[in-house]
Amino acid sequence: MRSWRVTLGRIQYHEKSQSLWGRLAAGRERLFTSHFVLDETFTLLGRTAGHAFAAERARAIYGSALLTVLRPTEETELRSLDFFVKFADQAVSFTDGVSFALMRRERIRRVFSFDAHFESAGFVLYAG
């Protein structure tokens, strides 16, 4: 059953996100993220905690049995531009647009995120 999409949370949500992640990881549902989200995550980690730490975390994530990394096709990236334009008034990032397109492609409705842009795009935020 494909049901979750994981995205980088804001720093102010760190404690809550760790608690919720623990519940998700203990569950039996499949978890997904995208190559684009991981790119942003590893770049942020590299800049804030050091590149060696970021690479270590990247290797752990890519080796995880809990998380499936979704990669867009060119068609999916082109569809993401529709979201990018549609939600321009909300300053939606291209990565968000790709996430929306991947979630639609994979029929994922719920997202582990604190980003209200996902609700605006018709997805359900996981609240625990």
C-alpha atoms as a PDB file:
ATOM      1  CA  MET A   1       0.000   0.000   0.000  1.00  0.00           C
ATOM      2  CA  ARG A   2       1.500   3.319  -1.046  1.00  0.00           C
ATOM      3  CA  SER A   3       0.469   5.954   1.384  1.00  0.00           C
ATOM      4  CA  TRP A   4       3.209   8.196   2.786  1.00  0.00           C
ATOM      5  CA  ARG A   5       5.501  10.813   1.376  1.00  0.00           C
ATOM      6  CA  VAL A   6       8.297  12.148   3.574  1.00  0.00           C
ATOM      7  CA  THR A   7       9.658  15.669   3.229  1.00  0.00           C
ATOM      8  CA  LEU A   8      12.200  17.725   5.088  1.00  0.00           C
ATOM      9  CA  GLY A   9      10.548  19.417   8.062  1.00  0.00           C
ATOM     10  CA  ARG A  10      11.417  22.861   9.329  1.00  0.00           C
ATOM     11  CA  ILE A  11      13.859  23.067  12.226  1.00  0.00           C
ATOM     12  CA  GLN A  12      11.151  24.320  14.629  1.00  0.00           C
ATOM     13  CA  TYR A  13       9.306  21.023  14.112  1.00  0.00           C
ATOM     14  CA  HIS A  14      12.295  18.828  14.897  1.00  0.00           C
ATOM     15  CA  GLU A  15      11.047  17.363  18.203  1.00  0.00           C
ATOM     16  CA  LYS A  16       7.540  16.670  16.932  1.00  0.00           C
ATOM     17  CA  SER A  17       8.860  15.227  13.674  1.00  0.00           C
ATOM     18  CA  GLN A  18      11.140  12.811  15.536  1.00  0.00           C
ATOM     19  CA  SER A  19       8.197  11.544  17.577  1.00  0.00           C
ATOM     20  CA  LEU A  20       5.985  11.151  14.509  1.00  0.00           C
ATOM     21  CA  TRP A  21       8.794   9.540  12.506  1.00  0.00           C
ATOM     22  CA  GLY A  22       9.160   6.933  15.263  1.00  0.00           C
ATOM     23  CA  ARG A  23       5.492   6.038  14.881  1.00  0.00           C
ATOM     24  CA  LEU A  24       5.751   5.859  11.102  1.00  0.00           C
ATOM     25  CA  ALA A  25       8.905   3.756  11.183  1.00  0.00           C
ATOM     26  CA  ALA A  26       7.249   1.310  13.599  1.00  0.00           C
ATOM     27  CA  GLY A  27       4.224   0.934  11.340  1.00  0.00           C
ATOM     28  CA  ARG A  28       3.752  -1.397   8.421  1.00  0.00           C
ATOM     29  CA  GLU A  29       3.066   1.151   5.733  1.00  0.00           C
ATOM     30  CA  ARG A  30       5.535   1.880   3.006  1.00  0.00           C
ATOM     31  CA  LEU A  31       7.340   5.212   3.206  1.00  0.00           C
ATOM     32  CA  PHE A  32       8.488   7.297   0.243  1.00  0.00           C
ATOM     33  CA  THR A  33      10.579  10.351  -0.439  1.00  0.00           C
ATOM     34  CA  SER A  34      12.019  11.802  -3.593  1.00  0.00           C
ATOM     35  CA  HIS A  35      15.480  12.283  -4.973  1.00  0.00           C
ATOM     36  CA  PHE A  36      14.770  16.041  -5.032  1.00  0.00           C
ATOM     37  CA  VAL A  37      13.880  16.133  -1.314  1.00  0.00           C
ATOM     38  CA  LEU A  38      17.007  14.162  -0.472  1.00  0.00           C
ATOM     39  CA  ASP A  39      19.085  16.561  -2.557  1.00  0.00           C
ATOM     40  CA  GLU A  40      17.787  19.477  -0.462  1.00  0.00           C
ATOM     41  CA  THR A  41      18.265  17.525   2.772  1.00  0.00           C
ATOM     42  CA  PHE A  42      21.852  16.460   2.085  1.00  0.00           C
ATOM     43  CA  THR A  43      22.790  19.939   0.872  1.00  0.00           C
ATOM     44  CA  LEU A  44      21.390  21.491   4.059  1.00  0.00           C
ATOM     45  CA  LEU A  45      23.149  18.894   6.225  1.00  0.00           C
ATOM     46  CA  GLY A  46      26.406  19.456   4.390  1.00  0.00           C
ATOM     47  CA  ARG A  47      26.218  23.197   4.956  1.00  0.00           C
ATOM     48  CA  THR A  48      25.183  22.980   8.604  1.00  0.00           C
ATOM     49  CA  ALA A  49      26.741  19.785   9.972  1.00  0.00           C
ATOM     50  CA  GLY A  50      29.531  19.086   7.509  1.00  0.00           C
ATOM     51  CA  HIS A  51      29.812  17.127   4.303  1.00  0.00           C
ATOM     52  CA  ALA A  52      31.150  13.957   5.938  1.00  0.00           C
ATOM     53  CA  PHE A  53      28.118  13.827   8.252  1.00  0.00           C
ATOM     54  CA  ALA A  54      25.767  14.519   5.332  1.00  0.00           C
ATOM     55  CA  ALA A  55      27.351  11.736   3.267  1.00  0.00           C
ATOM     56  CA  GLU A  56      27.092   9.342   6.215  1.00  0.00           C
ATOM     57  CA  ARG A  57      23.375  10.111   6.602  1.00  0.00           C
ATOM     58  CA  ALA A  58      22.853   9.821   2.842  1.00  0.00           C
ATOM     59  CA  ARG A  59      24.401   6.350   2.801  1.00  0.00           C
ATOM     60  CA  ALA A  60      22.183   5.298   5.718  1.00  0.00           C
ATOM     61  CA  ILE A  61      19.050   6.614   4.017  1.00  0.00           C
ATOM     62  CA  TYR A  62      19.864   5.011   0.664  1.00  0.00           C
ATOM     63  CA  GLY A  63      20.497   1.735   2.502  1.00  0.00           C
ATOM     64  CA  SER A  64      17.295   1.891   4.532  1.00  0.00           C
ATOM     65  CA  ALA A  65      14.643  -0.749   4.047  1.00  0.00           C
ATOM     66  CA  LEU A  66      12.056   1.694   5.463  1.00  0.00           C
ATOM     67  CA  LEU A  67      12.223   4.292   2.729  1.00  0.00           C
ATOM     68  CA  THR A  68      11.752   4.083  -1.031  1.00  0.00           C
ATOM     69  CA  VAL A  69      13.294   6.898  -3.043  1.00  0.00           C
ATOM     70  CA  LEU A  70      11.120   8.034  -5.949  1.00  0.00           C
ATOM     71  CA  ARG A  71      12.724   9.546  -9.027  1.00  0.00           C
ATOM     72  CA  PRO A  72      10.762  11.552 -11.558  1.00  0.00           C
ATOM     73  CA  THR A  73      10.679  10.813 -15.243  1.00  0.00           C
ATOM     74  CA  GLU A  74      10.982  13.719 -17.642  1.00  0.00           C
ATOM     75  CA  GLU A  75       7.196  13.591 -18.033  1.00  0.00           C
ATOM     76  CA  THR A  76       6.746  13.860 -14.253  1.00  0.00           C
ATOM     77  CA  GLU A  77       9.112  16.826 -14.101  1.00  0.00           C
ATOM     78  CA  LEU A  78       7.163  18.536 -16.872  1.00  0.00           C
ATOM     79  CA  ARG A  79       3.890  17.911 -14.974  1.00  0.00           C
ATOM     80  CA  SER A  80       5.487  19.422 -11.886  1.00  0.00           C
ATOM     81  CA  LEU A  81       5.744  22.718 -13.750  1.00  0.00           C
ATOM     82  CA  ASP A  82       1.940  22.903 -13.733  1.00  0.00           C
ATOM     83  CA  PHE A  83       2.001  22.828  -9.917  1.00  0.00           C
ATOM     84  CA  PHE A  84       4.927  25.254  -9.840  1.00  0.00           C
ATOM     85  CA  VAL A  85       2.872  27.775 -11.820  1.00  0.00           C
ATOM     86  CA  LYS A  86      -0.497  27.005 -10.186  1.00  0.00           C
ATOM     87  CA  PHE A  87       0.846  27.649  -6.681  1.00  0.00           C
ATOM     88  CA  ALA A  88       3.234  30.485  -7.573  1.00  0.00           C
ATOM     89  CA  ASP A  89       1.281  32.856  -5.310  1.00  0.00           C
ATOM     90  CA  GLN A  90       2.264  30.603  -2.383  1.00  0.00           C
ATOM     91  CA  ALA A  91       5.958  30.528  -3.362  1.00  0.00           C
ATOM     92  CA  VAL A  92       5.888  26.762  -3.909  1.00  0.00           C
ATOM     93  CA  SER A  93       9.334  25.441  -4.792  1.00  0.00           C
ATOM     94  CA  PHE A  94      10.106  23.381  -7.865  1.00  0.00           C
ATOM     95  CA  THR A  95      10.920  20.519  -5.478  1.00  0.00           C
ATOM     96  CA  ASP A  96       7.407  20.796  -4.025  1.00  0.00           C
ATOM     97  CA  GLY A  97       5.995  20.692  -7.556  1.00  0.00           C
ATOM     98  CA  VAL A  98       7.992  17.543  -8.274  1.00  0.00           C
ATOM     99  CA  SER A  99       6.774  16.067  -4.989  1.00  0.00           C
ATOM    100  CA  PHE A 100       3.143  16.824  -5.916  1.00  0.00           C
ATOM    101  CA  ALA A 101       3.580  15.241  -9.347  1.00  0.00           C
ATOM    102  CA  LEU A 102       5.289  12.144  -7.904  1.00  0.00           C
ATOM    103  CA  MET A 103       2.584  11.754  -5.278  1.00  0.00           C
ATOM    104  CA  ARG A 104      -0.136  11.938  -7.911  1.00  0.00           C
ATOM    105  CA  ARG A 105       1.752   9.490 -10.120  1.00  0.00           C
ATOM    106  CA  GLU A 106       2.129   7.010  -7.247  1.00  0.00           C
ATOM    107  CA  ARG A 107      -1.366   7.669  -5.828  1.00  0.00           C
ATOM    108  CA  ILE A 108       0.018   8.816  -2.484  1.00  0.00           C
ATOM    109  CA  ARG A 109      -2.516  10.902  -0.534  1.00  0.00           C
ATOM    110  CA  ARG A 110      -0.871  11.453   2.867  1.00  0.00           C
ATOM    111  CA  VAL A 111       2.348  13.310   3.559  1.00  0.00           C
ATOM    112  CA  PHE A 112       4.622  13.518   6.580  1.00  0.00           C
ATOM    113  CA  SER A 113       5.269  17.240   6.432  1.00  0.00           C
ATOM    114  CA  PHE A 114       4.464  20.471   8.212  1.00  0.00           C
ATOM    115  CA  ASP A 115       4.309  22.318   4.884  1.00  0.00           C
ATOM    116  CA  ALA A 116       0.808  23.709   4.243  1.00  0.00           C
ATOM    117  CA  HIS A 117       1.553  23.769   0.497  1.00  0.00           C
ATOM    118  CA  PHE A 118       0.767  20.054   0.440  1.00  0.00           C
ATOM    119  CA  GLU A 119      -2.698  20.698   1.877  1.00  0.00           C
ATOM    120  CA  SER A 120      -3.267  23.421  -0.716  1.00  0.00           C
ATOM    121  CA  ALA A 121      -2.411  20.871  -3.403  1.00  0.00           C
ATOM    122  CA  GLY A 122      -5.004  18.435  -2.011  1.00  0.00           C
ATOM    123  CA  PHE A 123      -2.887  16.123   0.130  1.00  0.00           C
ATOM    124  CA  VAL A 124      -3.444  15.196   3.774  1.00  0.00           C
ATOM    125  CA  LEU A 125      -0.776  16.116   6.336  1.00  0.00           C
ATOM    126  CA  TYR A 126       0.104  13.386   8.830  1.00  0.00           C
ATOM    127  CA  ALA A 127      -0.654  14.726  12.284  1.00  0.00           C
ATOM    128  CA  GLY A 128       0.121  11.621  14.316  1.00  0.00           C
END
